[in-house]
Amino acid sequence: MAGPSAALLGLLLYAASSALGVSAKRQWLMLVACCIALIIPTLIFIQPGPALKGYVMELEIKGCEPPAQSTEISVKDWEKRVAQVTWASPREGWREEMRRALKQDEGAVVKAILSRRNEIRVTRKPWNRGQLISSGWEEVNYPRAFYISRKDGSCAEFRLGAKAKYFTEYDLSALSQNANDWPTRNVSDFLGLQTLKPLPEPYLALAGN
């Protein structure tokens, strides 16, 4: 509360105190108490809500292939995006560069049915900062493709029909990319796929059954 509203409240308190014959000292105490009563709820209200960390994904594996197999589809998709952008020029030689990057990449493109997902957030209020919370499982059941880096997995580990839980991080770093250096050099972003990661230890209990 500020400005005219605060001034009006002050006048009302003064008028009530004068009518009741309240001493000046008690008037100051009443004013301080009212200010505290207004400030505390306001401070609580403006505290930030939980921040999204990512999702626990329950997958049913349907296939796996090297990133190189998606090269031409991805290049054509980026050519369409480049053609729609008039305010920035793409990086010179990006096609050849990304063809080489995809050919050399030792990760994998995992094709799966996303059965369920569980949203993970972290609290940010001073009294519970850093606490992990989950939204609970949401039934999804639709086909998706994901990227996984070589250090986190390979096609040899993804058996057809197997079910497993992985984590996908909520990542907005691509939005801050230099406008003079695009398309992206990141393999997963170039493929347009979320990156699978092993389920972090702190999230195991939250993932449940």
N, C-alpha and C. Protein backbone atom coordinates (compact mmCIF):
# COMPACT_ATOMS: atom_id res chain seq x y z
N MET A 1 0.85 -1.19 0.00
CA MET A 1 0.00 0.00 0.00
C MET A 1 0.89 1.24 0.00
N ALA A 2 0.58 2.19 -0.88
CA ALA A 2 1.39 3.40 -0.97
C ALA A 2 0.55 4.53 -1.52
N GLY A 3 1.13 5.76 -1.48
CA GLY A 3 0.47 6.91 -2.09
C GLY A 3 -0.82 7.28 -1.40
N PRO A 4 -1.88 7.60 -2.17
CA PRO A 4 -3.16 8.05 -1.61
C PRO A 4 -3.77 7.05 -0.63
N SER A 5 -3.64 5.75 -0.92
CA SER A 5 -4.24 4.74 -0.03
C SER A 5 -3.61 4.78 1.35
N ALA A 6 -2.28 4.89 1.39
CA ALA A 6 -1.58 4.96 2.67
C ALA A 6 -1.94 6.23 3.43
N ALA A 7 -2.03 7.36 2.70
CA ALA A 7 -2.40 8.63 3.34
C ALA A 7 -3.80 8.56 3.92
N LEU A 8 -4.72 7.94 3.18
CA LEU A 8 -6.10 7.81 3.65
C LEU A 8 -6.17 6.95 4.90
N LEU A 9 -5.41 5.84 4.90
CA LEU A 9 -5.39 4.98 6.08
C LEU A 9 -4.84 5.73 7.30
N GLY A 10 -3.79 6.53 7.05
CA GLY A 10 -3.22 7.31 8.14
C GLY A 10 -4.22 8.29 8.72
N LEU A 11 -4.99 8.96 7.85
CA LEU A 11 -6.00 9.92 8.31
C LEU A 11 -7.10 9.22 9.10
N LEU A 12 -7.52 8.05 8.62
CA LEU A 12 -8.57 7.30 9.32
C LEU A 12 -8.10 6.88 10.72
N LEU A 13 -6.85 6.40 10.80
CA LEU A 13 -6.30 6.01 12.10
C LEU A 13 -6.22 7.21 13.05
N TYR A 14 -5.79 8.35 12.49
CA TYR A 14 -5.67 9.57 13.31
C TYR A 14 -7.04 10.00 13.82
N ALA A 15 -8.02 9.96 12.90
CA ALA A 15 -9.37 10.39 13.29
C ALA A 15 -9.93 9.46 14.36
N ALA A 16 -9.73 8.14 14.20
CA ALA A 16 -10.25 7.19 15.18
C ALA A 16 -9.54 7.35 16.52
N SER A 17 -8.23 7.56 16.46
CA SER A 17 -7.46 7.72 17.71
C SER A 17 -7.87 8.98 18.45
N SER A 18 -8.08 10.05 17.69
CA SER A 18 -8.48 11.32 18.32
C SER A 18 -9.85 11.19 18.96
N ALA A 19 -10.77 10.52 18.26
CA ALA A 19 -12.13 10.36 18.78
C ALA A 19 -12.14 9.52 20.04
N LEU A 20 -11.23 8.57 20.11
CA LEU A 20 -11.19 7.68 21.28
C LEU A 20 -10.26 8.20 22.37
N GLY A 21 -9.61 9.31 22.11
CA GLY A 21 -8.72 9.90 23.10
C GLY A 21 -7.44 9.10 23.32
N VAL A 22 -6.95 8.46 22.26
CA VAL A 22 -5.74 7.65 22.36
C VAL A 22 -4.53 8.58 22.42
N SER A 23 -3.59 8.26 23.29
CA SER A 23 -2.41 9.10 23.45
C SER A 23 -1.53 9.05 22.21
N ALA A 24 -0.65 10.03 22.06
CA ALA A 24 0.24 10.10 20.89
C ALA A 24 1.13 8.87 20.81
N LYS A 25 1.61 8.41 21.97
CA LYS A 25 2.49 7.23 21.98
C LYS A 25 1.75 6.01 21.46
N ARG A 26 0.51 5.84 21.91
CA ARG A 26 -0.27 4.68 21.46
C ARG A 26 -0.64 4.81 19.99
N GLN A 27 -0.83 6.05 19.54
CA GLN A 27 -1.11 6.25 18.11
C GLN A 27 0.04 5.76 17.26
N TRP A 28 1.27 6.08 17.70
CA TRP A 28 2.46 5.62 16.96
C TRP A 28 2.54 4.09 16.98
N LEU A 29 2.23 3.48 18.10
CA LEU A 29 2.27 2.02 18.20
C LEU A 29 1.23 1.39 17.27
N MET A 30 0.03 2.01 17.23
CA MET A 30 -1.01 1.50 16.34
C MET A 30 -0.59 1.63 14.88
N LEU A 31 0.07 2.74 14.53
CA LEU A 31 0.51 2.96 13.16
C LEU A 31 1.56 1.92 12.75
N VAL A 32 2.51 1.68 13.67
CA VAL A 32 3.56 0.68 13.38
C VAL A 32 2.93 -0.71 13.22
N ALA A 33 1.97 -1.05 14.10
CA ALA A 33 1.32 -2.36 14.04
C ALA A 33 0.57 -2.54 12.72
N CYS A 34 -0.11 -1.48 12.28
CA CYS A 34 -0.84 -1.55 11.00
C CYS A 34 0.11 -1.73 9.83
N CYS A 35 1.23 -1.01 9.89
CA CYS A 35 2.22 -1.13 8.81
C CYS A 35 2.77 -2.55 8.72
N ILE A 36 3.08 -3.11 9.90
CA ILE A 36 3.60 -4.49 9.93
C ILE A 36 2.55 -5.46 9.41
N ALA A 37 1.29 -5.24 9.79
CA ALA A 37 0.21 -6.13 9.36
C ALA A 37 0.02 -6.09 7.85
N LEU A 38 0.33 -4.96 7.23
CA LEU A 38 0.21 -4.83 5.78
C LEU A 38 1.45 -5.34 5.06
N ILE A 39 2.62 -5.09 5.64
CA ILE A 39 3.87 -5.45 4.97
C ILE A 39 4.08 -6.95 4.90
N ILE A 40 3.82 -7.65 6.01
CA ILE A 40 4.09 -9.09 6.06
C ILE A 40 3.30 -9.87 5.00
N PRO A 41 1.97 -9.68 4.88
CA PRO A 41 1.25 -10.40 3.82
C PRO A 41 1.74 -10.03 2.42
N THR A 42 2.12 -8.76 2.25
CA THR A 42 2.62 -8.32 0.93
C THR A 42 3.92 -9.05 0.58
N LEU A 43 4.84 -9.14 1.56
CA LEU A 43 6.11 -9.83 1.33
C LEU A 43 5.89 -11.31 1.02
N ILE A 44 4.93 -11.92 1.71
CA ILE A 44 4.62 -13.33 1.44
C ILE A 44 4.04 -13.49 0.04
N PHE A 45 3.17 -12.57 -0.34
CA PHE A 45 2.48 -12.67 -1.63
C PHE A 45 3.44 -12.53 -2.81
N ILE A 46 4.49 -11.68 -2.68
CA ILE A 46 5.37 -11.42 -3.81
C ILE A 46 6.52 -12.42 -3.92
N GLN A 47 6.60 -13.40 -3.03
CA GLN A 47 7.66 -14.40 -3.12
C GLN A 47 7.49 -15.23 -4.40
N PRO A 48 8.60 -15.60 -5.05
CA PRO A 48 8.50 -16.36 -6.31
C PRO A 48 7.96 -17.76 -6.09
N GLY A 49 7.22 -18.25 -7.07
CA GLY A 49 6.70 -19.60 -7.00
C GLY A 49 7.77 -20.61 -7.39
N PRO A 50 7.46 -21.88 -7.32
CA PRO A 50 8.43 -22.93 -7.66
C PRO A 50 8.86 -22.82 -9.13
N ALA A 51 10.15 -23.05 -9.38
CA ALA A 51 10.70 -22.99 -10.73
C ALA A 51 10.73 -24.39 -11.35
N LEU A 52 10.38 -24.47 -12.61
CA LEU A 52 10.36 -25.75 -13.31
C LEU A 52 11.78 -26.25 -13.57
N LYS A 53 12.08 -27.47 -13.12
CA LYS A 53 13.38 -28.09 -13.36
C LYS A 53 13.36 -29.00 -14.58
N GLY A 54 12.23 -29.66 -14.79
CA GLY A 54 12.12 -30.57 -15.93
C GLY A 54 11.08 -31.63 -15.67
N TYR A 55 11.19 -32.74 -16.40
CA TYR A 55 10.18 -33.79 -16.31
C TYR A 55 10.83 -35.17 -16.18
N VAL A 56 10.25 -35.98 -15.31
CA VAL A 56 10.58 -37.41 -15.32
C VAL A 56 9.69 -38.05 -16.37
N MET A 57 10.30 -38.75 -17.32
CA MET A 57 9.57 -39.36 -18.43
C MET A 57 9.59 -40.89 -18.29
N GLU A 58 8.43 -41.50 -18.38
CA GLU A 58 8.36 -42.96 -18.44
C GLU A 58 8.16 -43.35 -19.89
N LEU A 59 9.13 -44.07 -20.44
CA LEU A 59 9.13 -44.38 -21.87
C LEU A 59 9.01 -45.87 -22.13
N GLU A 60 8.36 -46.20 -23.24
CA GLU A 60 8.38 -47.56 -23.79
C GLU A 60 9.16 -47.48 -25.10
N ILE A 61 10.29 -48.12 -25.15
CA ILE A 61 11.21 -47.99 -26.29
C ILE A 61 10.64 -48.66 -27.54
N LYS A 62 10.65 -47.92 -28.64
CA LYS A 62 10.16 -48.43 -29.92
C LYS A 62 11.24 -48.49 -30.98
N GLY A 63 12.38 -47.88 -30.73
CA GLY A 63 13.46 -47.92 -31.70
C GLY A 63 14.59 -46.99 -31.32
N CYS A 64 15.72 -47.14 -31.99
CA CYS A 64 16.88 -46.30 -31.72
C CYS A 64 17.75 -46.26 -32.96
N GLU A 65 18.30 -45.10 -33.27
CA GLU A 65 19.13 -44.94 -34.45
C GLU A 65 20.15 -43.84 -34.23
N PRO A 66 21.24 -43.83 -34.97
CA PRO A 66 22.24 -42.76 -34.84
C PRO A 66 21.69 -41.44 -35.35
N PRO A 67 22.14 -40.31 -34.81
CA PRO A 67 21.67 -39.00 -35.25
C PRO A 67 21.85 -38.76 -36.75
N ALA A 68 22.86 -39.37 -37.33
CA ALA A 68 23.14 -39.16 -38.76
C ALA A 68 21.95 -39.52 -39.64
N GLN A 69 21.11 -40.46 -39.21
CA GLN A 69 19.97 -40.88 -40.02
C GLN A 69 18.91 -39.79 -40.13
N SER A 70 18.98 -38.80 -39.25
CA SER A 70 18.01 -37.69 -39.30
C SER A 70 18.60 -36.45 -39.96
N THR A 71 19.77 -36.58 -40.57
CA THR A 71 20.49 -35.42 -41.09
C THR A 71 19.68 -34.64 -42.12
N GLU A 72 19.28 -35.30 -43.21
CA GLU A 72 18.65 -34.57 -44.31
C GLU A 72 17.29 -34.00 -43.93
N ILE A 73 16.54 -34.74 -43.12
CA ILE A 73 15.25 -34.21 -42.65
C ILE A 73 15.46 -32.94 -41.84
N SER A 74 16.47 -32.96 -40.97
CA SER A 74 16.75 -31.79 -40.13
C SER A 74 17.27 -30.62 -40.94
N VAL A 75 18.14 -30.89 -41.91
CA VAL A 75 18.67 -29.83 -42.77
C VAL A 75 17.54 -29.16 -43.54
N LYS A 76 16.63 -29.94 -44.10
CA LYS A 76 15.50 -29.37 -44.85
C LYS A 76 14.59 -28.55 -43.94
N ASP A 77 14.40 -29.03 -42.71
CA ASP A 77 13.58 -28.29 -41.75
C ASP A 77 14.21 -26.94 -41.45
N TRP A 78 15.54 -26.92 -41.26
CA TRP A 78 16.23 -25.66 -40.97
C TRP A 78 16.26 -24.74 -42.20
N GLU A 79 16.32 -25.30 -43.37
CA GLU A 79 16.26 -24.47 -44.59
C GLU A 79 14.94 -23.72 -44.65
N LYS A 80 13.85 -24.38 -44.24
CA LYS A 80 12.54 -23.72 -44.21
C LYS A 80 12.54 -22.59 -43.18
N ARG A 81 13.15 -22.83 -42.02
CA ARG A 81 13.20 -21.79 -40.99
C ARG A 81 14.04 -20.61 -41.46
N VAL A 82 15.17 -20.90 -42.06
CA VAL A 82 16.06 -19.84 -42.55
C VAL A 82 15.34 -18.98 -43.59
N ALA A 83 14.56 -19.61 -44.47
CA ALA A 83 13.86 -18.88 -45.53
C ALA A 83 12.82 -17.93 -44.95
N GLN A 84 12.33 -18.20 -43.74
CA GLN A 84 11.30 -17.35 -43.12
C GLN A 84 11.88 -16.18 -42.34
N VAL A 85 13.21 -16.20 -42.13
CA VAL A 85 13.85 -15.15 -41.34
C VAL A 85 14.49 -14.12 -42.27
N THR A 86 14.09 -12.87 -42.11
CA THR A 86 14.61 -11.80 -42.96
C THR A 86 15.51 -10.83 -42.20
N TRP A 87 15.54 -10.94 -40.88
CA TRP A 87 16.28 -9.95 -40.07
C TRP A 87 17.67 -10.44 -39.65
N ALA A 88 18.04 -11.67 -40.01
CA ALA A 88 19.37 -12.18 -39.66
C ALA A 88 19.79 -13.22 -40.68
N SER A 89 21.07 -13.22 -41.00
CA SER A 89 21.59 -14.18 -41.98
C SER A 89 22.14 -15.41 -41.26
N PRO A 90 21.95 -16.60 -41.84
CA PRO A 90 22.47 -17.81 -41.21
C PRO A 90 23.99 -17.87 -41.30
N ARG A 91 24.58 -18.67 -40.44
CA ARG A 91 26.02 -18.86 -40.42
C ARG A 91 26.49 -19.49 -41.74
N GLU A 92 27.53 -18.96 -42.29
CA GLU A 92 28.03 -19.48 -43.56
C GLU A 92 28.52 -20.92 -43.39
N GLY A 93 28.11 -21.77 -44.32
CA GLY A 93 28.54 -23.17 -44.30
C GLY A 93 27.86 -24.03 -43.25
N TRP A 94 26.70 -23.59 -42.74
CA TRP A 94 26.05 -24.33 -41.65
C TRP A 94 25.60 -25.73 -42.06
N ARG A 95 25.19 -25.90 -43.32
CA ARG A 95 24.74 -27.22 -43.77
C ARG A 95 25.85 -28.25 -43.66
N GLU A 96 27.00 -27.92 -44.24
CA GLU A 96 28.13 -28.86 -44.23
C GLU A 96 28.62 -29.09 -42.80
N GLU A 97 28.64 -28.01 -42.02
CA GLU A 97 29.10 -28.13 -40.64
C GLU A 97 28.22 -29.09 -39.83
N MET A 98 26.91 -28.95 -39.96
CA MET A 98 26.00 -29.78 -39.18
C MET A 98 25.91 -31.20 -39.74
N ARG A 99 26.10 -31.37 -41.04
CA ARG A 99 26.17 -32.73 -41.59
C ARG A 99 27.35 -33.48 -40.98
N ARG A 100 28.49 -32.80 -40.87
CA ARG A 100 29.67 -33.42 -40.26
C ARG A 100 29.42 -33.71 -38.78
N ALA A 101 28.79 -32.73 -38.09
CA ALA A 101 28.54 -32.90 -36.66
C ALA A 101 27.63 -34.09 -36.39
N LEU A 102 26.59 -34.26 -37.20
CA LEU A 102 25.67 -35.36 -37.00
C LEU A 102 26.32 -36.70 -37.35
N LYS A 103 27.17 -36.69 -38.37
CA LYS A 103 27.86 -37.92 -38.77
C LYS A 103 28.83 -38.38 -37.69
N GLN A 104 29.47 -37.42 -37.03
CA GLN A 104 30.48 -37.74 -36.03
C GLN A 104 29.88 -37.97 -34.64
N ASP A 105 28.65 -37.53 -34.43
CA ASP A 105 28.05 -37.63 -33.10
C ASP A 105 27.82 -39.10 -32.72
N GLU A 106 28.20 -39.45 -31.50
CA GLU A 106 28.09 -40.83 -31.04
C GLU A 106 26.89 -41.07 -30.13
N GLY A 107 26.01 -40.08 -30.06
CA GLY A 107 24.80 -40.24 -29.27
C GLY A 107 23.77 -41.07 -30.01
N ALA A 108 22.51 -40.91 -29.65
CA ALA A 108 21.45 -41.72 -30.27
C ALA A 108 20.14 -40.94 -30.29
N VAL A 109 19.32 -41.28 -31.27
CA VAL A 109 17.94 -40.78 -31.33
C VAL A 109 17.04 -41.93 -30.90
N VAL A 110 16.38 -41.75 -29.78
CA VAL A 110 15.54 -42.80 -29.20
C VAL A 110 14.08 -42.53 -29.56
N LYS A 111 13.45 -43.51 -30.16
CA LYS A 111 12.02 -43.40 -30.49
C LYS A 111 11.24 -44.21 -29.48
N ALA A 112 10.20 -43.60 -28.92
CA ALA A 112 9.49 -44.24 -27.81
C ALA A 112 8.05 -43.77 -27.72
N ILE A 113 7.28 -44.50 -26.95
CA ILE A 113 5.97 -44.03 -26.52
C ILE A 113 6.16 -43.38 -25.15
N LEU A 114 5.82 -42.12 -25.06
CA LEU A 114 5.87 -41.43 -23.78
C LEU A 114 4.61 -41.81 -23.01
N SER A 115 4.76 -42.72 -22.06
CA SER A 115 3.59 -43.24 -21.33
C SER A 115 3.08 -42.24 -20.29
N ARG A 116 4.01 -41.73 -19.47
CA ARG A 116 3.64 -40.80 -18.40
C ARG A 116 4.77 -39.80 -18.21
N ARG A 117 4.42 -38.68 -17.61
CA ARG A 117 5.45 -37.72 -17.23
C ARG A 117 5.09 -37.08 -15.89
N ASN A 118 6.12 -36.68 -15.17
CA ASN A 118 5.96 -36.11 -13.84
C ASN A 118 6.77 -34.82 -13.77
N GLU A 119 6.09 -33.70 -13.57
CA GLU A 119 6.74 -32.39 -13.55
C GLU A 119 7.48 -32.18 -12.24
N ILE A 120 8.76 -31.78 -12.33
CA ILE A 120 9.57 -31.53 -11.15
C ILE A 120 9.86 -30.03 -11.03
N ARG A 121 9.59 -29.49 -9.87
CA ARG A 121 9.87 -28.07 -9.61
C ARG A 121 10.70 -27.93 -8.33
N VAL A 122 11.36 -26.77 -8.19
CA VAL A 122 12.13 -26.49 -6.99
C VAL A 122 11.61 -25.19 -6.37
N THR A 123 11.38 -25.21 -5.05
CA THR A 123 10.82 -24.04 -4.38
C THR A 123 11.88 -22.96 -4.22
N ARG A 124 11.42 -21.70 -4.17
CA ARG A 124 12.36 -20.56 -4.13
C ARG A 124 12.08 -19.56 -3.01
N LYS A 125 11.12 -19.84 -2.16
CA LYS A 125 10.84 -18.94 -1.04
C LYS A 125 11.94 -19.07 0.01
N PRO A 126 12.23 -18.01 0.76
CA PRO A 126 13.33 -18.05 1.74
C PRO A 126 13.21 -19.18 2.74
N TRP A 127 11.99 -19.55 3.15
CA TRP A 127 11.81 -20.54 4.20
C TRP A 127 11.80 -21.99 3.68
N ASN A 128 11.76 -22.18 2.35
CA ASN A 128 11.80 -23.57 1.85
C ASN A 128 12.61 -23.68 0.56
N ARG A 129 13.55 -22.75 0.38
CA ARG A 129 14.34 -22.70 -0.85
C ARG A 129 15.07 -24.03 -1.10
N GLY A 130 14.97 -24.50 -2.34
CA GLY A 130 15.69 -25.71 -2.73
C GLY A 130 14.93 -27.01 -2.55
N GLN A 131 13.71 -26.95 -2.05
CA GLN A 131 12.93 -28.17 -1.85
C GLN A 131 12.34 -28.63 -3.18
N LEU A 132 12.49 -29.90 -3.51
CA LEU A 132 11.96 -30.45 -4.75
C LEU A 132 10.53 -30.92 -4.54
N ILE A 133 9.66 -30.59 -5.49
CA ILE A 133 8.27 -31.03 -5.43
C ILE A 133 7.87 -31.56 -6.81
N SER A 134 6.91 -32.45 -6.84
CA SER A 134 6.44 -33.00 -8.12
C SER A 134 4.93 -32.78 -8.25
N SER A 135 4.48 -32.74 -9.48
CA SER A 135 3.06 -32.52 -9.75
C SER A 135 2.28 -33.83 -9.74
N GLY A 136 3.00 -34.96 -9.73
CA GLY A 136 2.34 -36.27 -9.84
C GLY A 136 2.30 -36.71 -11.30
N TRP A 137 2.06 -37.96 -11.51
CA TRP A 137 2.10 -38.52 -12.86
C TRP A 137 0.92 -38.06 -13.71
N GLU A 138 1.25 -37.71 -14.95
CA GLU A 138 0.24 -37.34 -15.95
C GLU A 138 0.30 -38.37 -17.08
N GLU A 139 -0.81 -39.02 -17.36
CA GLU A 139 -0.87 -39.99 -18.45
C GLU A 139 -0.79 -39.25 -19.79
N VAL A 140 0.09 -39.73 -20.67
CA VAL A 140 0.30 -39.05 -21.96
C VAL A 140 0.02 -39.99 -23.12
N ASN A 141 0.83 -41.05 -23.25
CA ASN A 141 0.66 -42.09 -24.27
C ASN A 141 0.65 -41.55 -25.70
N TYR A 142 1.76 -40.92 -26.09
CA TYR A 142 1.92 -40.58 -27.50
C TYR A 142 3.37 -40.75 -27.91
N PRO A 143 3.60 -40.97 -29.21
CA PRO A 143 4.96 -41.24 -29.69
C PRO A 143 5.83 -39.99 -29.65
N ARG A 144 7.08 -40.18 -29.24
CA ARG A 144 8.03 -39.08 -29.20
C ARG A 144 9.41 -39.60 -29.57
N ALA A 145 10.26 -38.69 -30.00
CA ALA A 145 11.67 -39.02 -30.23
C ALA A 145 12.50 -38.12 -29.32
N PHE A 146 13.60 -38.65 -28.83
CA PHE A 146 14.49 -37.93 -27.92
C PHE A 146 15.93 -38.14 -28.37
N TYR A 147 16.79 -37.24 -27.93
CA TYR A 147 18.23 -37.40 -28.16
C TYR A 147 18.88 -37.77 -26.83
N ILE A 148 19.91 -38.64 -26.90
CA ILE A 148 20.69 -38.95 -25.71
C ILE A 148 22.16 -38.94 -26.09
N SER A 149 22.98 -38.28 -25.29
CA SER A 149 24.40 -38.17 -25.60
C SER A 149 25.11 -39.50 -25.32
N ARG A 150 26.29 -39.65 -25.91
CA ARG A 150 27.02 -40.91 -25.78
C ARG A 150 27.37 -41.21 -24.32
N LYS A 151 27.66 -40.19 -23.53
CA LYS A 151 28.05 -40.44 -22.13
C LYS A 151 26.88 -40.92 -21.29
N ASP A 152 25.65 -40.69 -21.77
CA ASP A 152 24.47 -41.07 -21.00
C ASP A 152 23.77 -42.31 -21.54
N GLY A 153 24.14 -42.78 -22.74
CA GLY A 153 23.48 -43.96 -23.28
C GLY A 153 23.83 -44.20 -24.74
N SER A 154 23.45 -45.37 -25.23
CA SER A 154 23.67 -45.73 -26.64
C SER A 154 22.56 -46.67 -27.07
N CYS A 155 22.44 -46.90 -28.37
CA CYS A 155 21.36 -47.76 -28.87
C CYS A 155 21.45 -49.17 -28.31
N ALA A 156 22.66 -49.62 -27.96
CA ALA A 156 22.82 -50.97 -27.42
C ALA A 156 22.07 -51.14 -26.09
N GLU A 157 21.80 -50.02 -25.41
CA GLU A 157 21.15 -50.08 -24.10
C GLU A 157 19.63 -49.99 -24.18
N PHE A 158 19.09 -49.68 -25.36
CA PHE A 158 17.65 -49.49 -25.49
C PHE A 158 17.02 -50.69 -26.19
N ARG A 159 16.50 -51.62 -25.39
CA ARG A 159 15.87 -52.82 -25.94
C ARG A 159 14.44 -52.50 -26.38
N LEU A 160 14.07 -53.03 -27.53
CA LEU A 160 12.74 -52.80 -28.07
C LEU A 160 11.68 -53.31 -27.09
N GLY A 161 10.73 -52.46 -26.74
CA GLY A 161 9.66 -52.83 -25.83
C GLY A 161 9.97 -52.60 -24.36
N ALA A 162 11.23 -52.30 -24.05
CA ALA A 162 11.61 -52.08 -22.65
C ALA A 162 11.01 -50.77 -22.14
N LYS A 163 10.77 -50.70 -20.83
CA LYS A 163 10.26 -49.49 -20.20
C LYS A 163 11.31 -48.94 -19.25
N ALA A 164 11.45 -47.64 -19.26
CA ALA A 164 12.46 -47.01 -18.42
C ALA A 164 12.06 -45.57 -18.12
N LYS A 165 12.65 -45.02 -17.05
CA LYS A 165 12.39 -43.63 -16.67
C LYS A 165 13.65 -42.80 -16.89
N TYR A 166 13.46 -41.67 -17.51
CA TYR A 166 14.56 -40.73 -17.77
C TYR A 166 14.12 -39.34 -17.38
N PHE A 167 15.08 -38.42 -17.38
CA PHE A 167 14.80 -37.03 -17.03
C PHE A 167 15.09 -36.13 -18.21
N THR A 168 14.21 -35.17 -18.46
CA THR A 168 14.47 -34.13 -19.46
C THR A 168 14.48 -32.78 -18.75
N GLU A 169 15.55 -32.07 -18.90
CA GLU A 169 15.72 -30.79 -18.21
C GLU A 169 14.99 -29.67 -18.94
N TYR A 170 14.38 -28.78 -18.18
CA TYR A 170 13.75 -27.59 -18.76
C TYR A 170 14.86 -26.60 -19.06
N ASP A 171 15.13 -26.39 -20.34
CA ASP A 171 16.30 -25.62 -20.77
C ASP A 171 15.88 -24.56 -21.79
N LEU A 172 16.12 -23.29 -21.44
CA LEU A 172 15.79 -22.18 -22.35
C LEU A 172 17.04 -21.52 -22.92
N SER A 173 18.19 -22.18 -22.82
CA SER A 173 19.44 -21.57 -23.26
C SER A 173 19.44 -21.26 -24.75
N ALA A 174 18.69 -22.03 -25.54
CA ALA A 174 18.66 -21.80 -26.98
C ALA A 174 18.06 -20.43 -27.32
N LEU A 175 17.22 -19.89 -26.42
CA LEU A 175 16.59 -18.60 -26.68
C LEU A 175 17.57 -17.44 -26.60
N SER A 176 18.70 -17.66 -25.91
CA SER A 176 19.70 -16.60 -25.76
C SER A 176 20.84 -16.74 -26.75
N GLN A 177 20.65 -17.55 -27.76
CA GLN A 177 21.70 -17.79 -28.75
C GLN A 177 22.00 -16.51 -29.54
N ASN A 178 23.26 -16.34 -29.89
CA ASN A 178 23.69 -15.20 -30.69
C ASN A 178 22.99 -15.21 -32.05
N ALA A 179 22.32 -14.11 -32.39
CA ALA A 179 21.58 -14.05 -33.65
C ALA A 179 22.49 -14.13 -34.87
N ASN A 180 23.78 -13.87 -34.68
CA ASN A 180 24.73 -13.94 -35.80
C ASN A 180 25.37 -15.32 -35.92
N ASP A 181 24.99 -16.23 -35.04
CA ASP A 181 25.57 -17.58 -35.06
C ASP A 181 24.44 -18.61 -35.01
N TRP A 182 23.79 -18.76 -36.14
CA TRP A 182 22.69 -19.72 -36.23
C TRP A 182 22.62 -20.28 -37.64
N PRO A 183 22.04 -21.43 -37.87
CA PRO A 183 21.35 -22.31 -36.92
C PRO A 183 22.25 -22.81 -35.79
N THR A 184 21.61 -23.34 -34.79
CA THR A 184 22.30 -23.83 -33.61
C THR A 184 23.37 -24.86 -33.94
N ARG A 185 24.43 -24.88 -33.16
CA ARG A 185 25.48 -25.90 -33.30
C ARG A 185 25.20 -27.11 -32.40
N ASN A 186 24.24 -26.96 -31.51
CA ASN A 186 23.91 -28.05 -30.59
C ASN A 186 23.14 -29.14 -31.32
N VAL A 187 23.61 -30.37 -31.23
CA VAL A 187 23.02 -31.47 -32.00
C VAL A 187 21.56 -31.69 -31.66
N SER A 188 21.22 -31.76 -30.37
CA SER A 188 19.83 -32.02 -29.99
C SER A 188 18.91 -30.89 -30.44
N ASP A 189 19.37 -29.64 -30.32
CA ASP A 189 18.56 -28.52 -30.77
C ASP A 189 18.40 -28.53 -32.29
N PHE A 190 19.47 -28.90 -33.00
CA PHE A 190 19.39 -28.96 -34.46
C PHE A 190 18.39 -30.04 -34.90
N LEU A 191 18.36 -31.14 -34.17
CA LEU A 191 17.40 -32.20 -34.46
C LEU A 191 15.99 -31.86 -33.98
N GLY A 192 15.90 -30.84 -33.13
CA GLY A 192 14.60 -30.47 -32.57
C GLY A 192 14.10 -31.45 -31.53
N LEU A 193 15.03 -32.04 -30.77
CA LEU A 193 14.67 -33.07 -29.80
C LEU A 193 15.09 -32.68 -28.38
N GLN A 194 14.28 -33.08 -27.42
CA GLN A 194 14.67 -32.95 -26.02
C GLN A 194 15.75 -33.98 -25.72
N THR A 195 16.60 -33.66 -24.75
CA THR A 195 17.69 -34.55 -24.38
C THR A 195 17.33 -35.38 -23.15
N LEU A 196 17.47 -36.69 -23.30
CA LEU A 196 17.26 -37.59 -22.17
C LEU A 196 18.51 -37.63 -21.30
N LYS A 197 18.29 -37.67 -19.99
CA LYS A 197 19.38 -37.83 -19.03
C LYS A 197 18.99 -38.90 -18.02
N PRO A 198 19.97 -39.60 -17.46
CA PRO A 198 19.64 -40.54 -16.39
C PRO A 198 18.89 -39.83 -15.27
N LEU A 199 17.99 -40.54 -14.63
CA LEU A 199 17.18 -39.94 -13.58
C LEU A 199 18.07 -39.58 -12.39
N PRO A 200 18.16 -38.28 -12.03
CA PRO A 200 19.01 -37.89 -10.90
C PRO A 200 18.57 -38.53 -9.59
N GLU A 201 19.51 -38.83 -8.75
CA GLU A 201 19.23 -39.49 -7.48
C GLU A 201 18.15 -38.78 -6.65
N PRO A 202 18.21 -37.42 -6.51
CA PRO A 202 17.20 -36.76 -5.68
C PRO A 202 15.78 -36.89 -6.22
N TYR A 203 15.64 -37.26 -7.50
CA TYR A 203 14.30 -37.33 -8.09
C TYR A 203 13.69 -38.72 -8.01
N LEU A 204 14.46 -39.72 -7.58
CA LEU A 204 13.97 -41.09 -7.56
C LEU A 204 12.73 -41.25 -6.69
N ALA A 205 12.78 -40.67 -5.47
CA ALA A 205 11.63 -40.78 -4.57
C ALA A 205 10.43 -40.03 -5.11
N LEU A 206 10.68 -38.89 -5.76
CA LEU A 206 9.57 -38.10 -6.32
C LEU A 206 8.91 -38.83 -7.49
N ALA A 207 9.72 -39.60 -8.24
CA ALA A 207 9.18 -40.29 -9.41
C ALA A 207 8.18 -41.36 -9.01
N GLY A 208 8.38 -41.95 -7.84
CA GLY A 208 7.43 -42.96 -7.35
C GLY A 208 7.37 -44.16 -8.28
N ASN A 209 6.19 -44.80 -8.30
CA ASN A 209 6.00 -46.00 -9.12
C ASN A 209 5.33 -45.66 -10.45
